[in-house]
Amino acid sequence: MNDGITIAVTVFFGFSFLLGLINFINPRFLWRTFQKWKATEVPSKSYFMFQRFAGLIAMLIIGYFFLIPYIGSRM
């Protein structure tokens, strides 16, 4: 793969992993940043629990994609 594409994909996955991590640790921060302007009231606790779960799933999937080249080279 071209080095420029590899860097772009790595930066994209790194940024996505960081957003998933922030969503897992503090989902209210991302809600305040991106969704508060549209809302008339604060969402329920279950909404934020779902956001934490979504952040965890995103981190697991992106972590898997980061490990694919390593796993492939070991086989």
C-alpha atoms as a PDB file:
ATOM      1  CA  MET A   1       0.000   0.000   0.000  1.00  0.00           C
ATOM      2  CA  ASN A   2       1.155   3.537  -0.668  1.00  0.00           C
ATOM      3  CA  ASP A   3       2.827   5.249   2.318  1.00  0.00           C
ATOM      4  CA  GLY A   4       0.566   8.317   2.069  1.00  0.00           C
ATOM      5  CA  ILE A   5      -2.549   6.159   2.175  1.00  0.00           C
ATOM      6  CA  THR A   6      -1.152   4.174   5.102  1.00  0.00           C
ATOM      7  CA  ILE A   7      -0.556   7.364   7.065  1.00  0.00           C
ATOM      8  CA  ALA A   8      -4.024   8.712   6.251  1.00  0.00           C
ATOM      9  CA  VAL A   9      -5.713   5.473   7.304  1.00  0.00           C
ATOM     10  CA  THR A  10      -3.658   5.347  10.508  1.00  0.00           C
ATOM     11  CA  VAL A  11      -4.561   8.937  11.380  1.00  0.00           C
ATOM     12  CA  PHE A  12      -8.242   8.258  10.654  1.00  0.00           C
ATOM     13  CA  PHE A  13      -8.286   5.111  12.794  1.00  0.00           C
ATOM     14  CA  GLY A  14      -6.330   6.868  15.544  1.00  0.00           C
ATOM     15  CA  PHE A  15      -8.781   9.779  15.597  1.00  0.00           C
ATOM     16  CA  SER A  16     -11.743   7.374  15.580  1.00  0.00           C
ATOM     17  CA  PHE A  17     -10.190   5.385  18.432  1.00  0.00           C
ATOM     18  CA  LEU A  18      -9.688   8.608  20.397  1.00  0.00           C
ATOM     19  CA  LEU A  19     -13.334   9.592  19.900  1.00  0.00           C
ATOM     20  CA  GLY A  20     -14.409   6.119  21.034  1.00  0.00           C
ATOM     21  CA  LEU A  21     -12.206   6.433  24.108  1.00  0.00           C
ATOM     22  CA  ILE A  22     -13.616   9.858  24.985  1.00  0.00           C
ATOM     23  CA  ASN A  23     -17.121   8.506  24.424  1.00  0.00           C
ATOM     24  CA  PHE A  24     -16.380   5.600  26.744  1.00  0.00           C
ATOM     25  CA  ILE A  25     -14.826   7.721  29.490  1.00  0.00           C
ATOM     26  CA  ASN A  26     -17.034  10.820  29.348  1.00  0.00           C
ATOM     27  CA  PRO A  27     -20.024  10.575  26.989  1.00  0.00           C
ATOM     28  CA  ARG A  28     -21.518  13.806  28.379  1.00  0.00           C
ATOM     29  CA  PHE A  29     -18.572  15.778  26.980  1.00  0.00           C
ATOM     30  CA  LEU A  30     -19.249  14.600  23.426  1.00  0.00           C
ATOM     31  CA  TRP A  31     -22.987  15.153  23.891  1.00  0.00           C
ATOM     32  CA  ARG A  32     -22.369  18.731  25.058  1.00  0.00           C
ATOM     33  CA  THR A  33     -19.969  19.290  22.169  1.00  0.00           C
ATOM     34  CA  PHE A  34     -22.055  17.888  19.307  1.00  0.00           C
ATOM     35  CA  GLN A  35     -25.682  17.461  20.387  1.00  0.00           C
ATOM     36  CA  LYS A  36     -26.591  19.981  23.096  1.00  0.00           C
ATOM     37  CA  TRP A  37     -27.496  22.752  20.667  1.00  0.00           C
ATOM     38  CA  LYS A  38     -30.304  20.570  19.248  1.00  0.00           C
ATOM     39  CA  ALA A  39     -31.720  19.364  22.581  1.00  0.00           C
ATOM     40  CA  THR A  40     -34.355  20.897  24.817  1.00  0.00           C
ATOM     41  CA  GLU A  41     -33.365  18.758  27.802  1.00  0.00           C
ATOM     42  CA  VAL A  42     -30.565  16.468  28.949  1.00  0.00           C
ATOM     43  CA  PRO A  43     -30.989  12.832  27.791  1.00  0.00           C
ATOM     44  CA  SER A  44     -31.616   9.993  30.209  1.00  0.00           C
ATOM     45  CA  LYS A  45     -28.909   7.928  31.897  1.00  0.00           C
ATOM     46  CA  SER A  46     -29.659   5.034  29.563  1.00  0.00           C
ATOM     47  CA  TYR A  47     -28.677   7.214  26.585  1.00  0.00           C
ATOM     48  CA  PHE A  48     -25.269   7.867  28.127  1.00  0.00           C
ATOM     49  CA  MET A  49     -24.842   4.194  29.033  1.00  0.00           C
ATOM     50  CA  PHE A  50     -25.558   3.282  25.411  1.00  0.00           C
ATOM     51  CA  GLN A  51     -23.000   5.884  24.310  1.00  0.00           C
ATOM     52  CA  ARG A  52     -20.398   4.292  26.610  1.00  0.00           C
ATOM     53  CA  PHE A  53     -21.192   0.891  25.115  1.00  0.00           C
ATOM     54  CA  ALA A  54     -20.928   2.289  21.567  1.00  0.00           C
ATOM     55  CA  GLY A  55     -17.546   3.833  22.437  1.00  0.00           C
ATOM     56  CA  LEU A  56     -16.306   0.496  23.768  1.00  0.00           C
ATOM     57  CA  ILE A  57     -17.470  -1.368  20.661  1.00  0.00           C
ATOM     58  CA  ALA A  58     -15.836   1.259  18.414  1.00  0.00           C
ATOM     59  CA  MET A  59     -12.533   0.916  20.280  1.00  0.00           C
ATOM     60  CA  LEU A  60     -12.630  -2.881  20.005  1.00  0.00           C
ATOM     61  CA  ILE A  61     -13.348  -2.811  16.260  1.00  0.00           C
ATOM     62  CA  ILE A  62     -10.691  -0.189  15.533  1.00  0.00           C
ATOM     63  CA  GLY A  63      -8.187  -2.022  17.747  1.00  0.00           C
ATOM     64  CA  TYR A  64      -8.875  -5.162  15.727  1.00  0.00           C
ATOM     65  CA  PHE A  65      -8.181  -3.283  12.478  1.00  0.00           C
ATOM     66  CA  PHE A  66      -4.923  -2.005  13.930  1.00  0.00           C
ATOM     67  CA  LEU A  67      -3.894  -5.573  14.778  1.00  0.00           C
ATOM     68  CA  ILE A  68      -4.765  -7.170  11.418  1.00  0.00           C
ATOM     69  CA  PRO A  69      -1.347  -6.412   9.829  1.00  0.00           C
ATOM     70  CA  TYR A  70       0.461  -7.728  12.915  1.00  0.00           C
ATOM     71  CA  ILE A  71      -1.618 -10.914  13.042  1.00  0.00           C
ATOM     72  CA  GLY A  72      -1.216 -11.427   9.266  1.00  0.00           C
ATOM     73  CA  SER A  73       2.572 -11.106   9.433  1.00  0.00           C
ATOM     74  CA  ARG A  74       2.765 -13.691  12.247  1.00  0.00           C
ATOM     75  CA  MET A  75       1.042 -16.400  10.211  1.00  0.00           C
END
